[in-house]
């Protein structure tokens, strides 16, 4: 039997006979443990999931550990505000993000820059003779922010996901928590 290390607080998603999405959560580990509490449930995970009979079935009394894939995270060194927000990543690091990913931004000390679960619309890793600074454009309107980004802020961009669940019949709930295998 493996030992699991919980990552971040667990959350519960109510299930009905139609697909219900969770709030977005920061993707921090490669696995999530899901337990159907009262009714069997179909589960889908992604940027905009829609659960149904074609998806993974979690049955009551049978906890499941599903793969989330590798988390994506990068330090932020600059932010350009506007109708779309451009996030600059450290020079020479590349970008783990792809167009279509959803991301959340956290800026310690400048929380007015924070956003949750916004779509990546462009990734620029343009090369220059003196190096390159990857930039990720996100569909978040930050035009109202006029305060300059502080290089002293601890800022990170991380991909985010949602879970959708649908009860096989009636109303129930699923308990969800990101986990790491501790051996």
C-alpha atoms as a PDB file:
ATOM      1  CA  UNK A   1       0.000   0.000   0.000  1.00  0.00           C
ATOM      2  CA  UNK A   2       1.399   3.388  -0.943  1.00  0.00           C
ATOM      3  CA  UNK A   3       1.540   6.358   1.387  1.00  0.00           C
ATOM      4  CA  UNK A   4       0.171   9.647   0.097  1.00  0.00           C
ATOM      5  CA  UNK A   5       1.241  13.182   0.910  1.00  0.00           C
ATOM      6  CA  UNK A   6      -1.664  15.668   0.584  1.00  0.00           C
ATOM      7  CA  UNK A   7      -0.943  18.839  -1.380  1.00  0.00           C
ATOM      8  CA  UNK A   8      -3.157  21.878  -0.692  1.00  0.00           C
ATOM      9  CA  UNK A   9      -6.571  21.613   0.963  1.00  0.00           C
ATOM     10  CA  UNK A  10      -9.107  19.100  -0.320  1.00  0.00           C
ATOM     11  CA  UNK A  11     -12.359  20.268  -1.869  1.00  0.00           C
ATOM     12  CA  UNK A  12     -15.781  18.746  -2.471  1.00  0.00           C
ATOM     13  CA  UNK A  13     -17.743  18.995  -5.728  1.00  0.00           C
ATOM     14  CA  UNK A  14     -21.488  18.323  -5.579  1.00  0.00           C
ATOM     15  CA  UNK A  15     -22.708  15.965  -8.293  1.00  0.00           C
ATOM     16  CA  UNK A  16     -26.094  15.883  -9.993  1.00  0.00           C
ATOM     17  CA  UNK A  17     -27.382  14.308 -13.200  1.00  0.00           C
ATOM     18  CA  UNK A  18     -25.614  17.051 -15.191  1.00  0.00           C
ATOM     19  CA  UNK A  19     -21.905  17.900 -15.288  1.00  0.00           C
ATOM     20  CA  UNK A  20     -20.817  20.360 -12.591  1.00  0.00           C
ATOM     21  CA  UNK A  21     -17.395  22.077 -12.655  1.00  0.00           C
ATOM     22  CA  UNK A  22     -15.272  22.844  -9.606  1.00  0.00           C
ATOM     23  CA  UNK A  23     -13.596  26.169  -9.088  1.00  0.00           C
ATOM     24  CA  UNK A  24     -10.156  26.348 -10.664  1.00  0.00           C
ATOM     25  CA  UNK A  25      -7.288  24.972  -8.609  1.00  0.00           C
ATOM     26  CA  UNK A  26      -3.535  25.485  -8.920  1.00  0.00           C
ATOM     27  CA  UNK A  27      -1.939  22.409 -10.506  1.00  0.00           C
ATOM     28  CA  UNK A  28       0.830  21.508  -8.014  1.00  0.00           C
ATOM     29  CA  UNK A  29       1.387  17.763  -8.368  1.00  0.00           C
ATOM     30  CA  UNK A  30       0.947  15.030 -10.958  1.00  0.00           C
ATOM     31  CA  UNK A  31      -1.940  13.197  -9.247  1.00  0.00           C
ATOM     32  CA  UNK A  32      -5.301  13.802  -7.635  1.00  0.00           C
ATOM     33  CA  UNK A  33      -7.208  11.464  -5.326  1.00  0.00           C
ATOM     34  CA  UNK A  34     -10.955  11.407  -5.905  1.00  0.00           C
ATOM     35  CA  UNK A  35     -13.515   9.675  -3.688  1.00  0.00           C
ATOM     36  CA  UNK A  36     -17.214   9.392  -4.589  1.00  0.00           C
ATOM     37  CA  UNK A  37     -18.896   9.994  -1.227  1.00  0.00           C
ATOM     38  CA  UNK A  38     -22.536   9.025  -1.801  1.00  0.00           C
ATOM     39  CA  UNK A  39     -23.155   8.260  -5.500  1.00  0.00           C
ATOM     40  CA  UNK A  40     -20.951   6.914  -8.291  1.00  0.00           C
ATOM     41  CA  UNK A  41     -19.715   9.742 -10.492  1.00  0.00           C
ATOM     42  CA  UNK A  42     -18.192  10.345 -13.905  1.00  0.00           C
ATOM     43  CA  UNK A  43     -15.164  12.635 -13.667  1.00  0.00           C
ATOM     44  CA  UNK A  44     -13.304  14.773 -16.211  1.00  0.00           C
ATOM     45  CA  UNK A  45     -10.293  17.007 -15.556  1.00  0.00           C
ATOM     46  CA  UNK A  46      -8.998  19.871 -17.695  1.00  0.00           C
ATOM     47  CA  UNK A  47      -9.227  23.561 -18.515  1.00  0.00           C
ATOM     48  CA  UNK A  48     -12.968  23.429 -19.219  1.00  0.00           C
ATOM     49  CA  UNK A  49     -14.050  19.841 -18.431  1.00  0.00           C
ATOM     50  CA  UNK A  50     -17.467  18.335 -19.115  1.00  0.00           C
ATOM     51  CA  UNK A  51     -18.094  15.033 -17.319  1.00  0.00           C
ATOM     52  CA  UNK A  52     -20.394  12.313 -18.602  1.00  0.00           C
ATOM     53  CA  UNK A  53     -20.627   8.581 -19.354  1.00  0.00           C
ATOM     54  CA  UNK A  54     -17.630   8.742 -21.727  1.00  0.00           C
ATOM     55  CA  UNK A  55     -15.374   9.806 -18.825  1.00  0.00           C
ATOM     56  CA  UNK A  56     -13.710   8.063 -15.890  1.00  0.00           C
ATOM     57  CA  UNK A  57     -16.141   6.418 -13.438  1.00  0.00           C
ATOM     58  CA  UNK A  58     -15.395   6.793  -9.716  1.00  0.00           C
ATOM     59  CA  UNK A  59     -17.438   4.383  -7.613  1.00  0.00           C
ATOM     60  CA  UNK A  60     -18.480   4.801  -3.981  1.00  0.00           C
ATOM     61  CA  UNK A  61     -16.015   3.116  -1.631  1.00  0.00           C
ATOM     62  CA  UNK A  62     -13.256   2.895  -4.275  1.00  0.00           C
ATOM     63  CA  UNK A  63     -10.901   5.910  -4.015  1.00  0.00           C
ATOM     64  CA  UNK A  64      -9.147   6.617  -7.307  1.00  0.00           C
ATOM     65  CA  UNK A  65      -5.869   8.373  -8.005  1.00  0.00           C
ATOM     66  CA  UNK A  66      -5.886  10.029 -11.422  1.00  0.00           C
ATOM     67  CA  UNK A  67      -2.956  11.533 -13.275  1.00  0.00           C
ATOM     68  CA  UNK A  68      -2.973  15.278 -13.816  1.00  0.00           C
ATOM     69  CA  UNK A  69       0.200  15.287 -15.899  1.00  0.00           C
ATOM     70  CA  UNK A  70       3.216  17.374 -14.988  1.00  0.00           C
ATOM     71  CA  UNK A  71       2.510  20.723 -13.310  1.00  0.00           C
ATOM     72  CA  UNK A  72       3.719  23.849 -15.097  1.00  0.00           C
ATOM     73  CA  UNK A  73       5.099  26.760 -13.088  1.00  0.00           C
ATOM     74  CA  UNK A  74       7.524  29.593 -13.705  1.00  0.00           C
ATOM     75  CA  UNK A  75       8.813  32.666 -11.896  1.00  0.00           C
ATOM     76  CA  UNK A  76       7.620  35.981 -13.344  1.00  0.00           C
ATOM     77  CA  UNK A  77      10.057  38.849 -13.968  1.00  0.00           C
ATOM     78  CA  UNK A  78       7.748  41.337 -15.672  1.00  0.00           C
ATOM     79  CA  UNK A  79       4.124  42.109 -16.454  1.00  0.00           C
ATOM     80  CA  UNK A  80       2.751  44.289 -19.251  1.00  0.00           C
ATOM     81  CA  UNK A  81      -0.847  45.344 -18.658  1.00  0.00           C
ATOM     82  CA  UNK A  82      -3.528  45.940 -21.271  1.00  0.00           C
ATOM     83  CA  UNK A  83      -6.610  44.358 -22.843  1.00  0.00           C
ATOM     84  CA  UNK A  84      -4.531  41.170 -22.663  1.00  0.00           C
ATOM     85  CA  UNK A  85      -1.785  40.658 -20.074  1.00  0.00           C
ATOM     86  CA  UNK A  86       1.760  39.773 -21.124  1.00  0.00           C
ATOM     87  CA  UNK A  87       3.845  37.957 -18.535  1.00  0.00           C
ATOM     88  CA  UNK A  88       7.647  37.898 -18.927  1.00  0.00           C
ATOM     89  CA  UNK A  89       9.534  34.840 -17.693  1.00  0.00           C
ATOM     90  CA  UNK A  90      13.242  34.723 -16.727  1.00  0.00           C
ATOM     91  CA  UNK A  91      15.713  35.055 -19.582  1.00  0.00           C
ATOM     92  CA  UNK A  92      16.990  31.770 -20.934  1.00  0.00           C
ATOM     93  CA  UNK A  93      14.448  29.564 -19.155  1.00  0.00           C
ATOM     94  CA  UNK A  94      11.952  28.888 -21.905  1.00  0.00           C
ATOM     95  CA  UNK A  95       8.242  28.624 -21.278  1.00  0.00           C
ATOM     96  CA  UNK A  96       6.506  25.524 -19.933  1.00  0.00           C
ATOM     97  CA  UNK A  97       3.158  26.967 -21.080  1.00  0.00           C
ATOM     98  CA  UNK A  98       1.350  26.345 -24.365  1.00  0.00           C
ATOM     99  CA  UNK A  99      -1.446  28.166 -26.160  1.00  0.00           C
ATOM    100  CA  UNK A 100      -4.712  26.816 -24.751  1.00  0.00           C
ATOM    101  CA  UNK A 101      -3.366  26.213 -21.230  1.00  0.00           C
ATOM    102  CA  UNK A 102      -5.147  27.989 -18.398  1.00  0.00           C
ATOM    103  CA  UNK A 103      -3.001  29.761 -15.844  1.00  0.00           C
ATOM    104  CA  UNK A 104      -3.203  31.664 -12.588  1.00  0.00           C
ATOM    105  CA  UNK A 105      -0.890  34.491 -11.550  1.00  0.00           C
ATOM    106  CA  UNK A 106       0.126  35.243  -7.963  1.00  0.00           C
ATOM    107  CA  UNK A 107       2.156  38.358  -7.128  1.00  0.00           C
ATOM    108  CA  UNK A 108       3.141  38.696  -3.470  1.00  0.00           C
ATOM    109  CA  UNK A 109       2.794  42.290  -2.307  1.00  0.00           C
ATOM    110  CA  UNK A 110       0.963  43.355  -5.485  1.00  0.00           C
ATOM    111  CA  UNK A 111      -2.189  41.222  -5.378  1.00  0.00           C
ATOM    112  CA  UNK A 112      -4.044  43.550  -7.786  1.00  0.00           C
ATOM    113  CA  UNK A 113      -2.090  41.723 -10.534  1.00  0.00           C
ATOM    114  CA  UNK A 114      -3.431  38.312  -9.409  1.00  0.00           C
ATOM    115  CA  UNK A 115      -5.812  36.427 -11.673  1.00  0.00           C
ATOM    116  CA  UNK A 116      -7.197  32.905 -11.778  1.00  0.00           C
ATOM    117  CA  UNK A 117      -7.752  30.406 -14.613  1.00  0.00           C
ATOM    118  CA  UNK A 118      -7.197  32.577 -17.669  1.00  0.00           C
ATOM    119  CA  UNK A 119      -6.354  31.213 -21.131  1.00  0.00           C
ATOM    120  CA  UNK A 120      -2.897  31.446 -22.680  1.00  0.00           C
ATOM    121  CA  UNK A 121      -3.386  33.007 -26.124  1.00  0.00           C
ATOM    122  CA  UNK A 122       0.256  33.314 -27.275  1.00  0.00           C
ATOM    123  CA  UNK A 123       3.747  32.187 -26.265  1.00  0.00           C
ATOM    124  CA  UNK A 124       6.749  34.087 -27.607  1.00  0.00           C
ATOM    125  CA  UNK A 125      10.209  32.663 -27.079  1.00  0.00           C
ATOM    126  CA  UNK A 126      11.815  35.007 -29.641  1.00  0.00           C
ATOM    127  CA  UNK A 127      15.590  34.698 -29.872  1.00  0.00           C
ATOM    128  CA  UNK A 128      17.990  37.628 -29.692  1.00  0.00           C
ATOM    129  CA  UNK A 129      21.757  37.786 -29.878  1.00  0.00           C
ATOM    130  CA  UNK A 130      21.946  38.702 -26.180  1.00  0.00           C
ATOM    131  CA  UNK A 131      19.520  35.994 -25.053  1.00  0.00           C
ATOM    132  CA  UNK A 132      15.765  35.820 -24.920  1.00  0.00           C
ATOM    133  CA  UNK A 133      12.985  36.520 -22.495  1.00  0.00           C
ATOM    134  CA  UNK A 134       9.994  34.240 -23.023  1.00  0.00           C
ATOM    135  CA  UNK A 135       6.637  36.012 -22.887  1.00  0.00           C
ATOM    136  CA  UNK A 136       3.224  34.497 -22.302  1.00  0.00           C
ATOM    137  CA  UNK A 137       0.111  36.418 -23.354  1.00  0.00           C
ATOM    138  CA  UNK A 138      -2.991  35.704 -21.294  1.00  0.00           C
ATOM    139  CA  UNK A 139      -6.621  36.647 -21.984  1.00  0.00           C
ATOM    140  CA  UNK A 140      -6.876  38.729 -18.820  1.00  0.00           C
ATOM    141  CA  UNK A 141      -7.775  42.423 -19.092  1.00  0.00           C
ATOM    142  CA  UNK A 142      -5.388  44.228 -16.751  1.00  0.00           C
ATOM    143  CA  UNK A 143      -5.707  47.647 -18.430  1.00  0.00           C
ATOM    144  CA  UNK A 144      -6.947  49.216 -15.185  1.00  0.00           C
ATOM    145  CA  UNK A 145      -3.688  48.491 -13.331  1.00  0.00           C
ATOM    146  CA  UNK A 146      -1.397  51.533 -13.477  1.00  0.00           C
ATOM    147  CA  UNK A 147       1.106  50.648 -10.735  1.00  0.00           C
ATOM    148  CA  UNK A 148       4.393  49.340 -12.120  1.00  0.00           C
ATOM    149  CA  UNK A 149       5.290  45.727 -11.453  1.00  0.00           C
ATOM    150  CA  UNK A 150       7.986  45.542  -8.765  1.00  0.00           C
ATOM    151  CA  UNK A 151      10.955  43.314  -9.556  1.00  0.00           C
ATOM    152  CA  UNK A 152      11.133  42.692  -5.781  1.00  0.00           C
ATOM    153  CA  UNK A 153       7.738  40.951  -5.833  1.00  0.00           C
ATOM    154  CA  UNK A 154       7.680  37.183  -5.619  1.00  0.00           C
ATOM    155  CA  UNK A 155       5.522  36.384  -8.628  1.00  0.00           C
ATOM    156  CA  UNK A 156       4.686  33.073 -10.264  1.00  0.00           C
ATOM    157  CA  UNK A 157       2.567  31.833 -13.132  1.00  0.00           C
ATOM    158  CA  UNK A 158       1.135  28.339 -12.692  1.00  0.00           C
ATOM    159  CA  UNK A 159      -1.235  26.265 -14.784  1.00  0.00           C
ATOM    160  CA  UNK A 160      -4.679  25.673 -13.324  1.00  0.00           C
ATOM    161  CA  UNK A 161      -7.308  23.016 -13.850  1.00  0.00           C
ATOM    162  CA  UNK A 162     -10.920  22.241 -13.013  1.00  0.00           C
ATOM    163  CA  UNK A 163     -12.702  18.990 -12.223  1.00  0.00           C
ATOM    164  CA  UNK A 164     -16.153  18.258 -13.601  1.00  0.00           C
ATOM    165  CA  UNK A 165     -18.297  15.534 -12.065  1.00  0.00           C
ATOM    166  CA  UNK A 166     -21.689  14.047 -12.887  1.00  0.00           C
ATOM    167  CA  UNK A 167     -23.554  11.556 -10.705  1.00  0.00           C
ATOM    168  CA  UNK A 168     -24.608   8.347 -12.417  1.00  0.00           C
ATOM    169  CA  UNK A 169     -28.014   8.903 -10.781  1.00  0.00           C
ATOM    170  CA  UNK A 170     -29.406  11.297  -8.193  1.00  0.00           C
ATOM    171  CA  UNK A 171     -27.323  13.762  -6.212  1.00  0.00           C
ATOM    172  CA  UNK A 172     -24.015  13.114  -4.523  1.00  0.00           C
ATOM    173  CA  UNK A 173     -20.535  14.539  -4.157  1.00  0.00           C
ATOM    174  CA  UNK A 174     -16.889  13.789  -4.812  1.00  0.00           C
ATOM    175  CA  UNK A 175     -13.984  14.580  -2.486  1.00  0.00           C
ATOM    176  CA  UNK A 176     -10.862  15.730  -4.368  1.00  0.00           C
ATOM    177  CA  UNK A 177      -7.284  16.326  -3.216  1.00  0.00           C
ATOM    178  CA  UNK A 178      -3.979  16.627  -5.026  1.00  0.00           C
ATOM    179  CA  UNK A 179      -1.485  14.083  -3.675  1.00  0.00           C
ATOM    180  CA  UNK A 180       2.100  12.963  -3.986  1.00  0.00           C
ATOM    181  CA  UNK A 181       3.182   9.350  -3.579  1.00  0.00           C
ATOM    182  CA  UNK A 182       5.300   9.238  -0.438  1.00  0.00           C
ATOM    183  CA  UNK A 183       6.521   5.665  -0.917  1.00  0.00           C
END
